[in-house]
């Protein structure tokens, strides 16, 4: 692949026929867009390109501690749930690295997080469609040529232009920090007030402090609290005093029963999409244990660490406080620490905490990328400024746009709790791939759950029309015509 490079001024764009045109361009190369890149590799008649600003693939580097594992089985890799025969499967990665026998003997179902990251890097490095050091700065709709005009810039300032008949955004989510902590996210407090996404970067410094407070009852909060506990010695000395605060009423395990996991199926997505918006909003809040809980194993390890440190009647240098909301935070005037004002939500009582550092393991949220500002008026946003997304993960656009825009992991409000989960990643990517191609490139299951989520026999939300079986199309068949005029329509 070759791309013309120009050193033009940032707002000088001339998208002529000399710029390469792709059937599909992906912005962002995290696991979800990497899954789409892997599944589309070798698909007849499809020309794809995926861009990412980073110099190389990396997945939550701030939380890649030794001993941490994925919360989903290894079969939820980039491709297997949609195409077990793909050369980009985790099992083939093991074979290519002569690890298939050690993996077999280890009897692992949940693999180390560090190995998942290495597996994804291996795929990204070998896929010719993945291009790093390519920060997308602008996307415009070229009505004359009916293509998306995409501008990206490398770290050395080189500006490049490409064209795409269809786009898919896999830009990930941004760390969320509680409002009281946001004024403290300055260089003066770096390494002492941080989101868990940066924990590994500051881990050594935090472990050397006398007191660290962790906020958030999810898996990340549990892993940070456990890691800090393990910096104490066997009697609880050394390392920091670990305080774990959470807004949730309990440090609860993630729902992981076999039937409960059927919420992460296409069946549940169809049911969820058919519900009224206000009911969907309430369900997402109520189902926090499906996607915000902690693995039972991690909770058990925390308990074991505390048990070990209290042998002989020693008091643990740790405290666990559920049902607590952070109300205010400020630097202490007479020291290097911080004063936190907290409220116990059930007792409705205020109390104060003094600590030397705060790690906010308070999750992530989808955000509108800045490069989309130039065509924001062409997007049919909902009342809360979010995408309207159909069953093929296609965003509703103005009728003047014949191309299609897809999103990955930006649909929690329309598709439910499975949006950020790796379990559905390959299935969603295959669904998008079929829609992009205008034909069935990969077969996706019509039913995957034993559970009937709605009234028996009731009609669910209608999905996209059937697409023909895969064949060898004409070059560039995945064009604007393949997307169809319905690219601007959200199905009811």
Protein backbone atom coordinates (compact mmCIF):
# COMPACT_ATOMS: atom_id res chain seq x y z
CA UNK A 1 0.00 0.00 0.00
CA UNK A 2 1.27 3.49 -0.79
CA UNK A 3 -0.03 6.79 0.44
CA UNK A 4 0.83 10.22 -0.92
CA UNK A 5 2.24 12.49 1.74
CA UNK A 6 1.93 16.25 1.70
CA UNK A 7 3.30 18.86 4.04
CA UNK A 8 0.37 21.18 3.51
CA UNK A 9 -1.12 23.57 5.99
CA UNK A 10 -3.52 21.84 8.35
CA UNK A 11 -6.65 23.23 6.72
CA UNK A 12 -5.61 22.76 3.11
CA UNK A 13 -7.35 19.62 1.85
CA UNK A 14 -7.52 18.62 -1.78
CA UNK A 15 -8.99 15.18 -2.05
CA UNK A 16 -8.55 14.27 -5.69
CA UNK A 17 -8.38 10.91 -7.39
CA UNK A 18 -4.67 10.69 -6.50
CA UNK A 19 -5.50 9.82 -2.89
CA UNK A 20 -6.07 6.18 -2.11
CA UNK A 21 -9.64 5.07 -1.62
CA UNK A 22 -10.56 2.21 0.70
CA UNK A 23 -13.82 0.33 1.09
CA UNK A 24 -13.46 0.58 4.87
CA UNK A 25 -11.21 2.68 7.10
CA UNK A 26 -11.07 2.02 10.83
CA UNK A 27 -10.02 4.72 13.26
CA UNK A 28 -8.41 3.32 16.38
CA UNK A 29 -6.75 -0.07 16.79
CA UNK A 30 -7.85 -1.53 20.08
CA UNK A 31 -9.08 -5.12 20.43
CA UNK A 32 -12.43 -4.39 18.75
CA UNK A 33 -11.18 -2.73 15.57
CA UNK A 34 -8.26 -5.18 15.52
CA UNK A 35 -10.86 -7.96 15.51
CA UNK A 36 -12.51 -6.38 12.47
CA UNK A 37 -9.12 -6.01 10.77
CA UNK A 38 -8.35 -9.68 11.40
CA UNK A 39 -11.74 -10.96 10.25
CA UNK A 40 -11.67 -8.82 7.10
CA UNK A 41 -8.13 -9.94 6.21
CA UNK A 42 -8.40 -11.74 2.89
CA UNK A 43 -12.11 -11.03 2.41
CA UNK A 44 -12.66 -10.94 -1.37
CA UNK A 45 -13.17 -7.50 -2.87
CA UNK A 46 -12.59 -5.56 0.36
CA UNK A 47 -9.82 -3.00 0.70
CA UNK A 48 -9.37 -1.95 4.31
CA UNK A 49 -7.07 0.24 6.37
CA UNK A 50 -6.95 0.77 10.14
CA UNK A 51 -5.24 3.78 11.72
CA UNK A 52 -4.02 4.46 15.25
CA UNK A 53 -2.07 7.33 16.79
CA UNK A 54 0.06 5.11 19.01
CA UNK A 55 3.47 3.92 17.76
CA UNK A 56 2.42 0.28 18.32
CA UNK A 57 -0.45 -1.72 19.75
CA UNK A 58 -0.95 -1.53 23.51
CA UNK A 59 -3.91 -2.52 25.66
CA UNK A 60 -4.40 -0.94 29.09
CA UNK A 61 -0.64 -0.83 29.77
CA UNK A 62 -1.22 0.80 33.16
CA UNK A 63 -2.92 -2.35 34.45
CA UNK A 64 -0.75 -5.11 32.98
CA UNK A 65 0.45 -6.42 36.35
CA UNK A 66 1.83 -9.91 36.71
CA UNK A 67 -0.81 -12.35 37.84
CA UNK A 68 -3.79 -10.48 36.37
CA UNK A 69 -5.95 -12.44 33.95
CA UNK A 70 -8.72 -11.75 31.47
CA UNK A 71 -12.23 -11.99 32.86
CA UNK A 72 -13.38 -13.85 29.75
CA UNK A 73 -12.19 -17.25 28.44
CA UNK A 74 -9.45 -17.41 25.82
CA UNK A 75 -12.03 -18.33 23.16
CA UNK A 76 -13.12 -14.67 23.31
CA UNK A 77 -10.03 -13.74 21.33
CA UNK A 78 -10.08 -11.52 18.26
CA UNK A 79 -11.68 -14.02 15.88
CA UNK A 80 -12.68 -17.41 17.30
CA UNK A 81 -16.30 -16.61 18.26
CA UNK A 82 -16.91 -15.62 14.62
CA UNK A 83 -14.33 -17.65 12.68
CA UNK A 84 -12.52 -20.46 14.54
CA UNK A 85 -10.57 -21.28 11.36
CA UNK A 86 -8.86 -17.88 11.22
CA UNK A 87 -5.04 -17.81 11.34
CA UNK A 88 -5.35 -14.91 13.80
CA UNK A 89 -6.76 -17.01 16.65
CA UNK A 90 -5.15 -17.17 20.08
CA UNK A 91 -4.49 -20.89 19.62
CA UNK A 92 -2.61 -20.23 16.40
CA UNK A 93 -0.65 -17.51 18.21
CA UNK A 94 0.37 -20.13 20.77
CA UNK A 95 1.43 -22.50 18.01
CA UNK A 96 3.46 -19.80 16.26
CA UNK A 97 5.27 -19.08 19.54
CA UNK A 98 5.81 -22.76 20.49
CA UNK A 99 3.58 -22.39 23.54
CA UNK A 100 0.77 -24.78 22.65
CA UNK A 101 2.08 -27.60 24.88
CA UNK A 102 2.81 -25.37 27.90
CA UNK A 103 -0.64 -23.84 27.50
CA UNK A 104 -2.23 -27.30 27.34
CA UNK A 105 -0.44 -28.40 30.50
CA UNK A 106 -1.33 -25.19 32.33
CA UNK A 107 -5.06 -26.02 31.98
CA UNK A 108 -5.91 -22.34 31.72
CA UNK A 109 -9.29 -21.07 30.62
CA UNK A 110 -8.56 -17.44 31.56
CA UNK A 111 -5.24 -16.29 30.18
CA UNK A 112 -2.77 -13.73 31.58
CA UNK A 113 -3.64 -10.21 30.61
CA UNK A 114 -0.04 -9.59 29.60
CA UNK A 115 -0.22 -12.49 27.15
CA UNK A 116 -3.47 -11.20 25.66
CA UNK A 117 -1.71 -7.90 25.03
CA UNK A 118 1.21 -9.70 23.39
CA UNK A 119 -1.18 -11.79 21.27
CA UNK A 120 -2.94 -8.64 20.01
CA UNK A 121 0.41 -7.01 19.23
CA UNK A 122 1.42 -10.09 17.23
CA UNK A 123 -1.75 -9.84 15.16
CA UNK A 124 -1.43 -6.08 14.66
CA UNK A 125 2.21 -6.35 13.57
CA UNK A 126 1.40 -8.99 10.96
CA UNK A 127 -1.76 -7.48 9.46
CA UNK A 128 -0.87 -5.26 6.49
CA UNK A 129 -4.05 -3.25 7.01
CA UNK A 130 -2.91 -1.89 10.40
CA UNK A 131 -1.01 1.39 10.36
CA UNK A 132 0.31 2.99 13.53
CA UNK A 133 1.73 6.48 14.14
CA UNK A 134 -1.27 7.81 12.23
CA UNK A 135 -3.35 10.19 14.33
CA UNK A 136 -6.63 11.01 12.58
CA UNK A 137 -7.18 14.75 12.85
CA UNK A 138 -10.18 15.34 10.62
CA UNK A 139 -13.00 13.50 8.89
CA UNK A 140 -15.22 15.19 6.30
CA UNK A 141 -17.95 13.98 3.99
CA UNK A 142 -17.14 14.64 0.33
CA UNK A 143 -20.60 14.87 -1.20
CA UNK A 144 -19.30 15.13 -4.75
CA UNK A 145 -17.29 11.89 -4.70
CA UNK A 146 -19.45 10.25 -2.02
CA UNK A 147 -16.55 9.31 0.22
CA UNK A 148 -15.27 10.22 3.66
CA UNK A 149 -12.13 12.35 3.41
CA UNK A 150 -9.78 11.36 6.24
CA UNK A 151 -6.74 13.35 7.31
CA UNK A 152 -4.10 11.79 9.55
CA UNK A 153 -0.80 13.01 10.89
CA UNK A 154 2.34 11.18 12.02
CA UNK A 155 4.52 12.10 15.00
CA UNK A 156 7.04 13.85 12.73
CA UNK A 157 4.30 16.15 11.39
CA UNK A 158 3.71 14.43 8.05
CA UNK A 159 0.10 14.94 6.94
CA UNK A 160 -1.60 12.30 4.78
CA UNK A 161 -4.99 12.13 3.11
CA UNK A 162 -7.03 9.05 2.28
CA UNK A 163 -10.62 8.39 1.25
CA UNK A 164 -13.07 5.86 2.65
CA UNK A 165 -16.42 4.67 1.38
CA UNK A 166 -17.26 3.53 4.91
CA UNK A 167 -15.80 4.26 8.35
CA UNK A 168 -15.72 2.40 11.64
CA UNK A 169 -14.76 4.12 14.88
CA UNK A 170 -13.02 2.02 17.49
CA UNK A 171 -11.44 4.84 19.45
CA UNK A 172 -12.03 3.28 22.85
CA UNK A 173 -13.26 5.03 25.95
CA UNK A 174 -11.78 7.77 28.13
CA UNK A 175 -10.93 7.40 31.85
CA UNK A 176 -13.58 8.87 34.14
CA UNK A 177 -12.43 10.67 37.29
CA UNK A 178 -14.87 11.81 40.02
CA UNK A 179 -15.59 15.53 39.82
CA UNK A 180 -13.99 16.38 43.21
CA UNK A 181 -10.65 15.01 41.99
CA UNK A 182 -10.52 16.79 38.62
CA UNK A 183 -8.92 20.02 39.96
CA UNK A 184 -6.09 17.86 41.32
CA UNK A 185 -5.18 16.34 37.95
CA UNK A 186 -2.27 18.73 37.50
CA UNK A 187 1.51 18.24 37.24
CA UNK A 188 1.84 19.29 40.89
CA UNK A 189 -0.10 16.19 41.95
CA UNK A 190 1.16 13.77 39.27
CA UNK A 191 1.76 10.29 40.61
CA UNK A 192 -0.31 10.97 43.74
CA UNK A 193 -3.73 11.66 42.20
CA UNK A 194 -4.31 9.48 39.18
CA UNK A 195 -6.67 7.20 37.31
CA UNK A 196 -5.99 3.47 37.53
CA UNK A 197 -5.19 3.55 33.80
CA UNK A 198 -1.84 5.06 34.85
CA UNK A 199 -1.30 2.87 37.92
CA UNK A 200 1.58 0.78 36.59
CA UNK A 201 3.50 3.92 35.62
CA UNK A 202 3.44 5.18 39.24
CA UNK A 203 3.28 1.80 40.99
CA UNK A 204 6.73 1.92 42.61
CA UNK A 205 6.17 5.39 44.04
CA UNK A 206 2.74 4.49 45.40
CA UNK A 207 4.09 1.32 47.02
CA UNK A 208 6.63 3.42 48.90
CA UNK A 209 4.05 5.73 50.51
CA UNK A 210 2.53 5.18 53.94
CA UNK A 211 -1.12 5.55 52.93
CA UNK A 212 -2.94 5.08 49.61
CA UNK A 213 -6.68 5.31 48.96
CA UNK A 214 -8.26 3.39 46.08
CA UNK A 215 -11.67 4.48 44.76
CA UNK A 216 -13.96 2.14 42.83
CA UNK A 217 -15.40 -1.33 43.38
CA UNK A 218 -14.76 -2.82 39.95
CA UNK A 219 -12.07 -5.22 38.80
CA UNK A 220 -9.45 -2.49 38.35
CA UNK A 221 -10.01 -1.15 41.88
CA UNK A 222 -9.75 -4.64 43.31
CA UNK A 223 -6.54 -5.38 41.41
CA UNK A 224 -4.90 -2.12 42.50
CA UNK A 225 -5.90 -2.71 46.14
CA UNK A 226 -4.60 -6.28 45.98
CA UNK A 227 -1.32 -5.23 44.38
CA UNK A 228 -0.72 -2.60 47.06
CA UNK A 229 -1.54 -5.12 49.81
CA UNK A 230 1.06 -7.46 48.37
CA UNK A 231 3.71 -4.78 48.81
CA UNK A 232 3.29 -5.24 52.56
CA UNK A 233 5.39 -7.97 54.11
CA UNK A 234 3.94 -11.09 55.73
CA UNK A 235 3.12 -9.30 58.97
CA UNK A 236 1.55 -6.29 57.26
CA UNK A 237 4.56 -4.00 57.72
CA UNK A 238 6.17 -2.21 54.80
CA UNK A 239 4.18 -0.97 51.86
CA UNK A 240 1.26 1.44 52.25
CA UNK A 241 -1.83 1.37 54.40
CA UNK A 242 -4.49 0.45 51.82
CA UNK A 243 -7.92 2.02 51.99
CA UNK A 244 -10.51 0.81 49.46
CA UNK A 245 -13.63 2.98 49.05
CA UNK A 246 -16.56 2.19 46.78
CA UNK A 247 -19.90 3.79 46.01
CA UNK A 248 -21.56 0.40 45.44
CA UNK A 249 -23.36 -1.10 48.46
CA UNK A 250 -20.98 -4.08 48.52
CA UNK A 251 -17.71 -5.36 47.12
CA UNK A 252 -19.68 -7.76 45.00
CA UNK A 253 -18.55 -10.49 42.62
CA UNK A 254 -19.29 -10.22 38.94
CA UNK A 255 -22.23 -12.30 37.75
CA UNK A 256 -20.57 -15.31 36.20
CA UNK A 257 -23.16 -18.06 36.22
CA UNK A 258 -23.65 -19.93 32.95
CA UNK A 259 -27.21 -18.68 32.52
CA UNK A 260 -26.32 -15.19 33.71
CA UNK A 261 -23.67 -14.91 31.02
CA UNK A 262 -26.40 -15.21 28.38
CA UNK A 263 -26.79 -11.44 28.77
CA UNK A 264 -23.69 -11.34 26.58
CA UNK A 265 -25.35 -12.84 23.52
CA UNK A 266 -26.93 -11.50 20.32
CA UNK A 267 -30.28 -12.67 21.73
CA UNK A 268 -30.10 -10.26 24.65
CA UNK A 269 -28.91 -7.41 22.43
CA UNK A 270 -32.01 -7.83 20.22
CA UNK A 271 -34.25 -7.84 23.31
CA UNK A 272 -32.52 -4.82 24.85
CA UNK A 273 -32.70 -2.75 21.66
CA UNK A 274 -36.48 -3.20 21.52
CA UNK A 275 -37.02 -1.65 24.96
CA UNK A 276 -37.95 2.02 25.45
CA UNK A 277 -34.97 4.28 26.04
CA UNK A 278 -35.79 5.11 29.67
CA UNK A 279 -36.04 1.39 30.48
CA UNK A 280 -32.70 0.71 28.81
CA UNK A 281 -31.08 3.46 30.89
CA UNK A 282 -32.45 1.98 34.10
CA UNK A 283 -31.42 -1.55 33.17
CA UNK A 284 -27.81 -0.56 32.53
CA UNK A 285 -27.64 0.99 36.00
CA UNK A 286 -29.28 -2.00 37.66
CA UNK A 287 -27.08 -4.56 35.91
CA UNK A 288 -23.79 -3.22 37.27
CA UNK A 289 -22.78 -6.67 38.57
CA UNK A 290 -22.83 -7.98 35.01
CA UNK A 291 -19.99 -5.70 33.93
CA UNK A 292 -18.70 -3.72 36.93
CA UNK A 293 -18.31 -6.43 39.54
CA UNK A 294 -15.09 -8.11 40.65
CA UNK A 295 -14.02 -11.63 39.81
CA UNK A 296 -14.65 -14.03 42.68
CA UNK A 297 -11.00 -15.11 42.51
CA UNK A 298 -9.69 -11.56 43.06
CA UNK A 299 -12.01 -10.97 46.00
CA UNK A 300 -10.84 -14.28 47.45
CA UNK A 301 -7.19 -13.28 47.06
CA UNK A 302 -7.81 -9.98 48.88
CA UNK A 303 -9.44 -11.87 51.72
CA UNK A 304 -6.53 -14.33 51.84
CA UNK A 305 -4.00 -11.48 52.03
CA UNK A 306 -5.89 -9.91 54.94
CA UNK A 307 -6.22 -13.25 56.68
CA UNK A 308 -2.47 -13.87 56.40
CA UNK A 309 -1.65 -10.45 57.81
CA UNK A 310 -3.84 -10.87 60.91
CA UNK A 311 -2.32 -14.12 62.17
CA UNK A 312 -1.58 -13.72 65.88
CA UNK A 313 -4.09 -10.92 66.33
CA UNK A 314 -2.30 -8.27 64.27
CA UNK A 315 -4.57 -5.52 62.97
CA UNK A 316 -4.53 -5.29 59.15
CA UNK A 317 -3.06 -2.18 57.60
CA UNK A 318 -6.08 -1.95 55.35
CA UNK A 319 -9.70 -0.85 55.38
CA UNK A 320 -12.59 -1.68 53.04
CA UNK A 321 -15.53 0.73 52.90
CA UNK A 322 -18.46 0.06 50.53
CA UNK A 323 -21.42 2.39 50.16
CA UNK A 324 -19.22 5.50 50.22
CA UNK A 325 -19.41 8.51 47.87
CA UNK A 326 -16.61 11.05 47.48
CA UNK A 327 -17.98 14.53 48.18
CA UNK A 328 -14.87 16.74 48.18
CA UNK A 329 -11.08 16.52 47.93
CA UNK A 330 -8.38 19.06 48.68
CA UNK A 331 -4.65 19.13 49.45
CA UNK A 332 -3.83 19.27 53.13
CA UNK A 333 -2.50 22.65 54.13
CA UNK A 334 0.06 21.32 56.61
CA UNK A 335 1.43 18.38 54.65
CA UNK A 336 1.79 16.51 51.38
CA UNK A 337 -1.42 14.54 51.69
CA UNK A 338 -5.06 15.03 50.82
CA UNK A 339 -8.23 15.52 52.81
CA UNK A 340 -11.23 13.64 51.41
CA UNK A 341 -14.77 14.34 52.50
CA UNK A 342 -16.94 11.26 52.08
CA UNK A 343 -20.57 10.39 52.60
CA UNK A 344 -21.86 7.00 53.65
CA UNK A 345 -24.82 6.61 51.30
CA UNK A 346 -26.93 4.34 53.51
CA UNK A 347 -26.32 6.14 56.82
CA UNK A 348 -26.27 9.56 55.12
CA UNK A 349 -23.34 10.53 57.32
CA UNK A 350 -20.23 12.51 56.42
CA UNK A 351 -16.70 11.58 57.45
CA UNK A 352 -13.17 12.60 56.53
CA UNK A 353 -10.19 10.62 55.27
CA UNK A 354 -6.56 11.73 55.20
CA UNK A 355 -4.35 10.01 52.67
CA UNK A 356 -1.09 10.52 50.78
CA UNK A 357 -2.30 9.36 47.37
CA UNK A 358 -5.53 8.57 45.51
CA UNK A 359 -6.01 6.03 42.72
CA UNK A 360 -9.37 6.47 41.00
CA UNK A 361 -10.40 3.13 39.54
CA UNK A 362 -13.66 4.72 38.48
CA UNK A 363 -14.13 3.34 35.00
CA UNK A 364 -14.32 4.67 31.47
CA UNK A 365 -16.91 6.30 29.24
CA UNK A 366 -17.39 6.79 25.52
CA UNK A 367 -16.53 10.27 24.28
CA UNK A 368 -17.02 12.01 20.96
CA UNK A 369 -13.67 12.18 19.13
CA UNK A 370 -12.52 15.67 18.17
CA UNK A 371 -11.80 14.67 14.57
CA UNK A 372 -15.54 14.16 14.07
CA UNK A 373 -16.32 17.82 14.80
CA UNK A 374 -16.10 18.73 11.11
CA UNK A 375 -19.08 16.50 10.30
CA UNK A 376 -20.91 16.63 13.62
CA UNK A 377 -23.90 18.34 11.97
CA UNK A 378 -24.36 15.30 9.75
CA UNK A 379 -24.76 12.93 12.70
CA UNK A 380 -28.25 12.33 14.10
CA UNK A 381 -27.41 12.61 17.81
CA UNK A 382 -29.93 11.59 20.46
CA UNK A 383 -31.21 13.97 23.15
CA UNK A 384 -28.11 13.29 25.29
CA UNK A 385 -25.64 13.86 22.48
CA UNK A 386 -25.00 10.17 21.85
CA UNK A 387 -25.02 8.18 18.63
CA UNK A 388 -28.23 6.59 17.40
CA UNK A 389 -27.09 3.11 16.39
CA UNK A 390 -28.90 0.37 14.48
CA UNK A 391 -28.60 -3.41 14.69
CA UNK A 392 -25.56 -3.43 12.39
CA UNK A 393 -23.77 -0.87 14.62
CA UNK A 394 -24.34 1.79 12.00
CA UNK A 395 -24.74 5.40 13.15
CA UNK A 396 -27.70 7.40 11.90
CA UNK A 397 -26.48 10.15 9.55
CA UNK A 398 -28.05 12.87 7.49
CA UNK A 399 -29.77 11.64 4.34
CA UNK A 400 -27.18 13.46 2.23
CA UNK A 401 -24.49 11.01 3.41
CA UNK A 402 -24.54 7.82 1.34
CA UNK A 403 -21.54 6.31 3.12
CA UNK A 404 -21.87 4.41 6.39
CA UNK A 405 -20.34 5.18 9.77
CA UNK A 406 -20.06 2.34 12.30
CA UNK A 407 -18.99 2.36 15.95
CA UNK A 408 -17.60 -0.22 18.34
CA UNK A 409 -17.93 0.08 22.14
CA UNK A 410 -19.93 3.29 21.96
CA UNK A 411 -23.35 1.61 22.17
CA UNK A 412 -23.90 0.78 25.84
CA UNK A 413 -27.07 2.93 25.76
CA UNK A 414 -28.53 1.16 22.69
CA UNK A 415 -27.16 -2.40 22.87
CA UNK A 416 -26.67 -3.02 26.59
CA UNK A 417 -24.00 -4.30 28.96
CA UNK A 418 -22.22 -6.41 26.35
CA UNK A 419 -20.86 -3.33 24.54
CA UNK A 420 -17.46 -3.21 26.32
CA UNK A 421 -17.15 -6.98 26.79
CA UNK A 422 -14.61 -8.97 24.78
CA UNK A 423 -17.05 -11.89 24.56
CA UNK A 424 -19.09 -10.15 21.86
CA UNK A 425 -16.14 -8.49 20.11
CA UNK A 426 -15.70 -10.96 17.25
CA UNK A 427 -19.46 -11.36 16.76
CA UNK A 428 -19.95 -7.59 16.53
CA UNK A 429 -17.00 -7.26 14.15
CA UNK A 430 -18.46 -9.98 11.92
CA UNK A 431 -21.84 -8.23 11.97
CA UNK A 432 -20.20 -4.98 10.83
CA UNK A 433 -18.12 -6.81 8.22
CA UNK A 434 -21.22 -8.36 6.66
CA UNK A 435 -22.94 -4.97 6.58
CA UNK A 436 -19.91 -3.29 5.03
CA UNK A 437 -19.57 -5.97 2.36
CA UNK A 438 -23.29 -6.08 1.63
CA UNK A 439 -23.17 -9.87 1.77
CA UNK A 440 -22.54 -12.65 4.26
CA UNK A 441 -18.77 -12.86 4.58
CA UNK A 442 -19.07 -14.72 7.89
CA UNK A 443 -22.04 -16.57 9.31
CA UNK A 444 -23.24 -15.22 12.65
CA UNK A 445 -25.58 -17.26 14.85
CA UNK A 446 -29.26 -16.42 14.90
CA UNK A 447 -29.67 -17.86 18.40
CA UNK A 448 -27.03 -18.16 21.11
CA UNK A 449 -28.99 -18.26 24.40
CA UNK A 450 -31.36 -20.68 26.08
CA UNK A 451 -33.02 -17.77 27.86
CA UNK A 452 -36.12 -16.07 26.42
CA UNK A 453 -35.67 -12.51 27.63
CA UNK A 454 -39.03 -11.11 26.59
CA UNK A 455 -42.63 -12.29 26.37
CA UNK A 456 -42.70 -15.71 24.67
CA UNK A 457 -43.56 -15.35 21.00
CA UNK A 458 -43.36 -11.55 21.06
CA UNK A 459 -41.70 -9.88 18.08
CA UNK A 460 -38.25 -8.48 18.73
CA UNK A 461 -36.66 -5.46 17.09
CA UNK A 462 -36.29 -6.12 13.37
CA UNK A 463 -32.72 -6.54 12.24
CA UNK A 464 -31.04 -5.68 8.95
CA UNK A 465 -32.33 -7.33 5.82
CA UNK A 466 -30.86 -10.67 4.84
CA UNK A 467 -27.71 -10.36 2.79
CA UNK A 468 -26.73 -12.79 0.06
CA UNK A 469 -24.20 -15.54 0.55
CA UNK A 470 -20.56 -14.62 0.15
CA UNK A 471 -19.15 -14.79 -3.34
CA UNK A 472 -16.35 -13.17 -5.22
CA UNK A 473 -17.65 -9.66 -5.87
CA UNK A 474 -16.43 -7.13 -8.32
CA UNK A 475 -13.52 -5.00 -7.18
CA UNK A 476 -14.68 -2.35 -4.73
CA UNK A 477 -18.06 -3.99 -4.23
CA UNK A 478 -18.11 -2.82 -0.63
CA UNK A 479 -18.90 0.67 -1.84
CA UNK A 480 -21.50 3.23 -1.05
CA UNK A 481 -24.02 1.09 -2.91
CA UNK A 482 -23.21 -1.83 -0.58
CA UNK A 483 -23.93 0.39 2.40
CA UNK A 484 -27.15 1.43 0.70
CA UNK A 485 -29.37 4.42 1.22
CA UNK A 486 -30.34 2.97 4.60
CA UNK A 487 -26.99 4.04 6.05
CA UNK A 488 -28.82 7.06 7.44
CA UNK A 489 -31.66 5.04 8.94
CA UNK A 490 -31.89 3.63 12.45
CA UNK A 491 -34.20 0.68 12.50
CA UNK A 492 -36.98 0.92 15.08
